[in-house]
Amino acid sequence: MTLTSLLGMSLTNNKLINLLGITTPIIGAPMAGASGGSLAAQITLGGGFGFVGTGYITAEQIQEELEVARRTLGADSQSPLQIGVGFLCWRLERDETQGEKELKTALDNRVAAVWFSFGEKLPHWIQFVRDHDEANGKKTVIFVQIPSVEDALVAIRDWKVDVIVTQGIEAGGHGFGNAPPMKSLIASILSIAPEGGPAVIGAGGLVTGRHVAELLTLGATGAVLGTRFLLTPESLYSDGHKKALVAAESTTSVRSMAFDQARGTLGWPSGVDGRGLRNATVDDYEKGEDIQVLRSKFQEAGRNHDISRAIVWAGTGVGDMNDIKPAKELVQELHRECLAYLQSNAAQA
């Protein structure tokens, strides 16, 4: 039995698959400091679609990561690049000239998609992409990450984006602390999404093929996995970070401002915090440790390669993952797990 028959629809009618030309609706999240060109490309080679996370890197560093991806995919310098690039819009907005340079670097490399999140001027960046596309005779798929039904309505009605990334409170890394659970949020968005509207995909706590299958049966057209792809050889995470993830239980994934306070990465929109593994940094922050002392301890631990205070971003699904495997192989395994779960449910129906 195929995924087509199990979901009662043809994969050729799946909006996400049509938009990206992929074979499985699994997306690798753009994770700052973790998803570089190698990871993004290997996810794509597995049949899904990978993103480079730009985070705090420069336009020149973005170019370097895209060149890694191009070599990995075997694409020449003039060919489209079958990966995406994710941008933190509040960072682009701190210096719009530099921000436009960073975005233009991705677009000039003819990446297949861009992902925008956390900004006050998302319409500006969306229009920048569309103007660049019009001038260059191409189409870049636009993903926008949202935490609420209200934001989804704006993205659908006003911005007319291609893909809505529904981020629930379970998601690792940064997100809005008041976001509802992902499944609840995506159900609400799907109930108001128009027939010809954007693809709606989910992000938050997804690490297994079963998680992907459950999301698809809700009506989503794809699933975003972040934390699971941290446990790959291609991830930019250190061995210490990966060991912490392997050892972690889901209960150790917590939301906190401790992470950004400790490393001094402030400037996020109001209401945004981060989800990562509880450690000494979080414990001290919650006890009211002086911020300067907290930062000093964090920096010293970093110099000593002490993982006990390191920031290890992780969603609530972290307890369901315990091995490191190549990203391409992982995508294929997740797809098989998804099909097996759907087949099992269909047999019992």
Protein backbone atom coordinates (compact mmCIF):
# COMPACT_ATOMS: atom_id res chain seq x y z
CA MET A 1 0.00 0.00 0.00
CA THR A 2 1.36 3.43 -0.93
CA LEU A 3 1.27 6.78 0.77
CA THR A 4 -1.06 7.89 -2.00
CA SER A 5 -3.78 5.37 -1.16
CA LEU A 6 -3.27 5.65 2.59
CA LEU A 7 -3.93 9.36 2.59
CA GLY A 8 -6.66 9.14 0.00
CA MET A 9 -4.92 11.57 -2.32
CA SER A 10 -2.22 11.59 -4.97
CA LEU A 11 1.22 12.85 -4.06
CA THR A 12 1.07 14.80 -7.28
CA ASN A 13 -1.62 16.91 -5.59
CA ASN A 14 0.46 17.57 -2.48
CA LYS A 15 1.14 21.32 -2.53
CA LEU A 16 4.48 21.09 -0.77
CA ILE A 17 5.80 18.33 -3.02
CA ASN A 18 4.70 20.21 -6.12
CA LEU A 19 6.27 23.45 -4.95
CA LEU A 20 9.64 21.94 -4.12
CA GLY A 21 9.93 18.94 -6.43
CA ILE A 22 10.63 16.55 -3.56
CA THR A 23 9.61 12.94 -2.97
CA THR A 24 8.79 12.98 0.74
CA PRO A 25 7.22 15.89 2.64
CA ILE A 26 9.99 16.09 5.24
CA ILE A 27 11.66 19.47 5.77
CA GLY A 28 14.93 20.04 7.61
CA ALA A 29 14.60 23.20 9.71
CA PRO A 30 17.00 26.14 9.32
CA MET A 31 18.92 25.94 12.61
CA ALA A 32 21.50 28.63 13.36
CA GLY A 33 24.85 27.10 14.20
CA ALA A 34 23.70 23.63 13.24
CA SER A 35 22.29 23.35 9.72
CA GLY A 36 24.93 24.34 7.21
CA GLY A 37 25.24 23.55 3.52
CA SER A 38 26.22 19.93 4.05
CA LEU A 39 23.23 19.04 6.24
CA ALA A 40 20.77 20.90 4.01
CA ALA A 41 22.06 19.16 0.89
CA GLN A 42 22.04 15.68 2.41
CA ILE A 43 18.42 16.10 3.52
CA THR A 44 17.56 17.04 -0.05
CA LEU A 45 19.49 14.04 -1.39
CA GLY A 46 17.38 11.86 0.89
CA GLY A 47 14.23 13.03 -0.88
CA GLY A 48 13.22 15.76 1.54
CA PHE A 49 14.18 19.43 1.52
CA GLY A 50 16.94 21.01 3.61
CA PHE A 51 17.47 24.57 4.80
CA VAL A 52 20.63 26.41 5.77
CA GLY A 53 20.15 28.38 8.98
CA THR A 54 21.87 31.78 8.73
CA GLY A 55 21.41 32.98 12.29
CA TYR A 56 24.26 35.40 12.98
CA ILE A 57 26.55 34.66 10.02
CA THR A 58 27.61 37.15 7.35
CA ALA A 59 26.77 37.25 3.66
CA GLU A 60 30.23 35.85 2.93
CA GLN A 61 29.66 32.94 5.29
CA ILE A 62 26.26 32.29 3.73
CA GLN A 63 27.99 32.09 0.36
CA GLU A 64 30.47 29.57 1.75
CA GLU A 65 27.69 27.32 3.04
CA LEU A 66 25.85 27.52 -0.27
CA GLU A 67 29.01 26.51 -2.10
CA VAL A 68 29.28 23.47 0.20
CA ALA A 69 25.69 22.58 -0.67
CA ARG A 70 26.31 23.06 -4.38
CA ARG A 71 29.31 20.73 -4.32
CA THR A 72 27.40 18.13 -2.30
CA LEU A 73 24.48 18.22 -4.72
CA GLY A 74 26.75 18.21 -7.76
CA ALA A 75 25.19 21.40 -9.12
CA ASP A 76 27.20 23.79 -11.26
CA SER A 77 27.39 27.50 -10.48
CA GLN A 78 24.65 28.42 -12.94
CA SER A 79 22.10 25.80 -11.87
CA PRO A 80 19.27 26.29 -9.38
CA LEU A 81 20.16 25.12 -5.88
CA GLN A 82 17.67 22.62 -4.44
CA ILE A 83 17.86 23.78 -0.84
CA GLY A 84 16.49 26.74 1.11
CA VAL A 85 17.92 29.45 3.36
CA GLY A 86 16.29 30.59 6.59
CA PHE A 87 16.51 34.15 7.92
CA LEU A 88 15.83 35.72 11.32
CA CYS A 89 14.16 38.91 10.11
CA TRP A 90 14.88 40.90 13.26
CA ARG A 91 18.56 40.43 12.43
CA LEU A 92 18.05 41.59 8.85
CA GLU A 93 16.18 44.63 10.17
CA ARG A 94 18.99 45.83 12.47
CA ASP A 95 20.91 46.90 9.38
CA GLU A 96 18.66 46.68 6.34
CA THR A 97 21.47 47.34 3.86
CA GLN A 98 23.44 44.43 5.25
CA GLY A 99 20.25 42.39 5.58
CA GLU A 100 19.43 42.88 1.91
CA LYS A 101 22.97 41.83 1.02
CA GLU A 102 22.56 38.60 2.99
CA LEU A 103 19.18 37.85 1.40
CA LYS A 104 20.46 38.73 -2.06
CA THR A 105 23.36 36.30 -1.59
CA ALA A 106 20.85 33.47 -1.22
CA LEU A 107 18.70 34.65 -4.11
CA ASP A 108 21.68 35.14 -6.44
CA ASN A 109 22.58 31.51 -5.78
CA ARG A 110 19.11 30.58 -7.07
CA VAL A 111 18.07 28.70 -3.94
CA ALA A 112 14.69 27.04 -4.27
CA ALA A 113 13.20 28.60 -1.14
CA VAL A 114 13.62 31.13 1.64
CA TRP A 115 12.20 30.94 5.18
CA PHE A 116 11.36 34.08 7.17
CA SER A 117 10.69 34.30 10.90
CA PHE A 118 10.69 36.74 13.82
CA GLY A 119 10.53 40.19 12.28
CA GLU A 120 8.57 43.44 12.20
CA LYS A 121 8.94 43.98 8.45
CA LEU A 122 8.18 40.62 6.89
CA PRO A 123 6.24 42.25 3.99
CA HIS A 124 9.41 44.13 3.02
CA TRP A 125 11.50 40.96 2.81
CA ILE A 126 8.77 39.07 0.97
CA GLN A 127 8.52 41.86 -1.60
CA PHE A 128 12.31 41.96 -1.91
CA VAL A 129 12.24 38.30 -2.94
CA ARG A 130 9.43 38.84 -5.41
CA ASP A 131 11.12 41.85 -6.98
CA HIS A 132 14.37 39.90 -7.33
CA ASP A 133 12.49 36.97 -8.87
CA GLU A 134 10.70 39.20 -11.37
CA ALA A 135 13.96 40.81 -12.42
CA ASN A 136 15.61 37.43 -12.88
CA GLY A 137 12.77 35.40 -14.37
CA LYS A 138 12.49 32.82 -11.58
CA LYS A 139 10.31 31.73 -8.68
CA THR A 140 11.55 31.35 -5.10
CA VAL A 141 9.21 29.52 -2.73
CA ILE A 142 8.50 31.66 0.34
CA PHE A 143 8.07 30.01 3.75
CA VAL A 144 6.87 32.09 6.71
CA GLN A 145 6.93 30.75 10.27
CA ILE A 146 3.93 31.72 12.39
CA PRO A 147 2.77 31.05 16.00
CA SER A 148 -0.95 31.89 15.81
CA VAL A 149 -4.12 31.75 13.74
CA GLU A 150 -4.11 35.55 13.53
CA ASP A 151 -0.65 35.58 11.95
CA ALA A 152 -1.66 32.79 9.59
CA LEU A 153 -4.60 34.85 8.34
CA VAL A 154 -2.29 37.78 7.56
CA ALA A 155 0.18 35.47 5.80
CA ILE A 156 -2.62 33.98 3.70
CA ARG A 157 -4.65 37.11 2.96
CA ASP A 158 -2.07 39.89 2.78
CA TRP A 159 1.31 38.32 2.13
CA LYS A 160 0.08 35.44 -0.04
CA VAL A 161 3.01 33.26 0.95
CA ASP A 162 3.63 29.81 -0.49
CA VAL A 163 4.13 27.86 2.74
CA ILE A 164 2.95 28.51 6.29
CA VAL A 165 5.18 26.92 8.93
CA THR A 166 2.99 26.33 11.96
CA GLN A 167 5.35 26.42 14.94
CA GLY A 168 3.99 25.00 18.18
CA ILE A 169 5.29 25.49 21.70
CA GLU A 170 7.03 22.09 21.53
CA ALA A 171 9.63 23.32 19.01
CA GLY A 172 13.30 23.47 19.93
CA GLY A 173 15.22 26.69 19.48
CA HIS A 174 13.46 30.04 19.43
CA GLY A 175 9.72 30.52 19.37
CA PHE A 176 6.89 32.39 21.01
CA GLY A 177 6.39 31.24 24.59
CA ASN A 178 2.61 31.66 24.33
CA ALA A 179 2.22 29.56 21.15
CA PRO A 180 -0.32 26.75 21.46
CA PRO A 181 0.59 23.08 20.96
CA MET A 182 1.43 22.44 17.31
CA LYS A 183 -1.37 19.97 16.53
CA SER A 184 -4.00 22.25 18.03
CA LEU A 185 -2.65 25.24 16.14
CA ILE A 186 -2.39 23.48 12.80
CA ALA A 187 -5.95 22.15 13.10
CA SER A 188 -7.20 25.70 13.70
CA ILE A 189 -5.25 27.08 10.74
CA LEU A 190 -6.40 24.32 8.40
CA SER A 191 -10.00 25.08 9.34
CA ILE A 192 -9.70 28.63 8.00
CA ALA A 193 -7.24 28.09 5.14
CA PRO A 194 -8.81 28.59 1.69
CA GLU A 195 -8.87 25.77 -0.86
CA GLY A 196 -6.26 27.39 -3.09
CA GLY A 197 -4.18 28.78 -0.24
CA PRO A 198 -0.64 28.04 0.83
CA ALA A 199 0.76 24.71 1.90
CA VAL A 200 0.43 24.34 5.67
CA ILE A 201 3.14 22.39 7.47
CA GLY A 202 3.89 21.73 11.13
CA ALA A 203 6.94 22.23 13.34
CA GLY A 204 7.43 21.29 16.96
CA GLY A 205 8.46 18.11 18.75
CA LEU A 206 8.60 15.96 15.60
CA VAL A 207 11.42 13.39 15.54
CA THR A 208 9.99 10.10 14.22
CA GLY A 209 8.26 8.81 11.13
CA ARG A 210 5.17 8.19 13.23
CA HIS A 211 5.14 11.88 14.18
CA VAL A 212 5.27 12.78 10.48
CA ALA A 213 2.43 10.38 9.67
CA GLU A 214 0.22 11.72 12.46
CA LEU A 215 0.70 15.24 11.18
CA LEU A 216 -0.14 14.28 7.60
CA THR A 217 -3.36 12.60 8.73
CA LEU A 218 -4.41 15.88 10.35
CA GLY A 219 -4.32 17.44 6.88
CA ALA A 220 -0.91 19.09 6.90
CA THR A 221 1.09 18.82 3.68
CA GLY A 222 4.46 18.40 5.36
CA ALA A 223 6.48 18.14 8.56
CA VAL A 224 9.47 20.15 9.78
CA LEU A 225 12.10 18.34 11.82
CA GLY A 226 14.91 20.19 13.55
CA THR A 227 16.14 18.48 16.69
CA ARG A 228 16.30 15.06 15.02
CA PHE A 229 18.70 16.34 12.36
CA LEU A 230 21.08 17.62 15.04
CA LEU A 231 22.06 13.97 15.53
CA THR A 232 23.71 13.57 12.13
CA PRO A 233 27.37 13.66 11.08
CA GLU A 234 26.54 16.66 8.89
CA SER A 235 25.15 18.73 11.76
CA LEU A 236 27.47 21.52 12.91
CA TYR A 237 26.84 20.57 16.54
CA SER A 238 29.91 19.39 18.46
CA ASP A 239 30.35 15.85 19.72
CA GLY A 240 29.60 17.13 23.21
CA HIS A 241 26.31 18.65 22.10
CA LYS A 242 25.34 15.43 20.35
CA LYS A 243 26.17 13.32 23.40
CA ALA A 244 23.94 15.58 25.50
CA LEU A 245 21.08 15.09 23.04
CA VAL A 246 21.48 11.30 23.01
CA ALA A 247 21.38 11.22 26.82
CA ALA A 248 18.46 13.64 27.20
CA GLU A 249 14.91 12.86 28.25
CA SER A 250 12.02 14.86 26.87
CA THR A 251 11.39 16.31 30.34
CA THR A 252 14.76 18.08 30.16
CA SER A 253 13.59 20.22 27.22
CA VAL A 254 12.58 23.58 28.73
CA ARG A 255 11.70 27.07 27.56
CA SER A 256 13.83 29.85 29.02
CA MET A 257 15.45 33.23 28.41
CA ALA A 258 18.55 31.89 30.17
CA PHE A 259 20.16 30.83 26.91
CA ASP A 260 20.09 34.25 25.25
CA GLN A 261 20.91 36.08 28.46
CA ALA A 262 23.98 33.89 28.99
CA ARG A 263 25.43 34.44 25.54
CA GLY A 264 24.14 38.00 25.12
CA THR A 265 22.12 37.40 21.95
CA LEU A 266 19.38 39.89 22.70
CA GLY A 267 17.09 41.75 20.32
CA TRP A 268 14.47 39.09 19.73
CA PRO A 269 10.84 40.25 19.40
CA SER A 270 8.81 40.49 22.60
CA GLY A 271 7.42 37.14 23.68
CA VAL A 272 10.17 35.05 22.07
CA ASP A 273 12.26 32.71 24.19
CA GLY A 274 14.19 29.50 23.49
CA ARG A 275 13.69 25.80 24.12
CA GLY A 276 16.76 23.73 24.97
CA LEU A 277 18.13 21.24 27.45
CA ARG A 278 18.02 22.20 31.10
CA ASN A 279 21.51 22.63 32.52
CA ALA A 280 23.51 24.68 35.03
CA THR A 281 22.95 27.87 33.02
CA VAL A 282 19.18 27.51 33.28
CA ASP A 283 19.33 26.52 36.95
CA ASP A 284 21.42 29.57 37.86
CA TYR A 285 19.20 31.89 35.84
CA GLU A 286 16.09 30.61 37.59
CA LYS A 287 17.80 31.13 40.98
CA GLY A 288 18.31 34.78 40.11
CA GLU A 289 22.04 34.68 39.38
CA ASP A 290 23.48 38.06 38.39
CA ILE A 291 23.52 38.24 34.58
CA GLN A 292 27.17 39.25 34.40
CA VAL A 293 28.13 36.33 36.63
CA LEU A 294 25.97 34.03 34.52
CA ARG A 295 27.72 35.19 31.35
CA SER A 296 31.14 34.82 32.91
CA LYS A 297 30.39 31.23 33.91
CA PHE A 298 28.99 30.50 30.45
CA GLN A 299 32.07 31.90 28.70
CA GLU A 300 34.47 30.05 30.97
CA ALA A 301 32.63 26.78 30.38
CA GLY A 302 32.89 27.38 26.65
CA ARG A 303 36.62 27.92 26.82
CA ASN A 304 36.96 24.68 28.78
CA HIS A 305 34.64 22.74 26.44
CA ASP A 306 32.38 22.13 29.45
CA ILE A 307 29.01 21.03 28.09
CA SER A 308 27.27 21.46 31.46
CA ARG A 309 26.56 25.12 30.66
CA ALA A 310 26.35 24.94 26.87
CA ILE A 311 23.26 25.84 24.89
CA VAL A 312 21.82 22.68 23.39
CA TRP A 313 18.61 23.53 21.54
CA ALA A 314 16.09 20.68 21.67
CA GLY A 315 12.36 20.23 21.21
CA THR A 316 10.09 18.06 23.32
CA GLY A 317 10.68 15.01 21.13
CA VAL A 318 14.34 14.76 22.17
CA GLY A 319 13.67 11.72 24.37
CA ASP A 320 12.59 9.70 21.31
CA MET A 321 15.95 9.89 19.55
CA ASN A 322 19.11 8.08 20.59
CA ASP A 323 21.40 7.50 17.62
CA ILE A 324 23.50 9.41 15.13
CA LYS A 325 23.08 8.58 11.46
CA PRO A 326 23.68 10.30 8.11
CA ALA A 327 21.00 12.81 7.18
CA LYS A 328 20.24 11.24 3.79
CA GLU A 329 19.75 7.85 5.42
CA LEU A 330 17.69 9.41 8.20
CA VAL A 331 15.24 11.03 5.76
CA GLN A 332 14.72 7.70 4.02
CA GLU A 333 14.23 5.93 7.34
CA LEU A 334 11.69 8.52 8.49
CA HIS A 335 9.78 8.09 5.24
CA ARG A 336 9.68 4.29 5.67
CA GLU A 337 8.53 4.68 9.30
CA CYS A 338 5.81 7.07 8.17
CA LEU A 339 4.51 4.61 5.57
CA ALA A 340 4.66 1.67 8.01
CA TYR A 341 2.62 3.56 10.60
CA LEU A 342 0.00 4.58 8.05
CA GLN A 343 -0.18 1.05 6.68
CA SER A 344 -0.68 -0.36 10.17
CA ASN A 345 -3.48 2.07 10.90
CA ALA A 346 -5.14 1.39 7.55
CA ALA A 347 -5.06 -2.36 8.21
CA GLN A 348 -6.79 -1.86 11.57
CA ALA A 349 -9.45 0.44 10.21
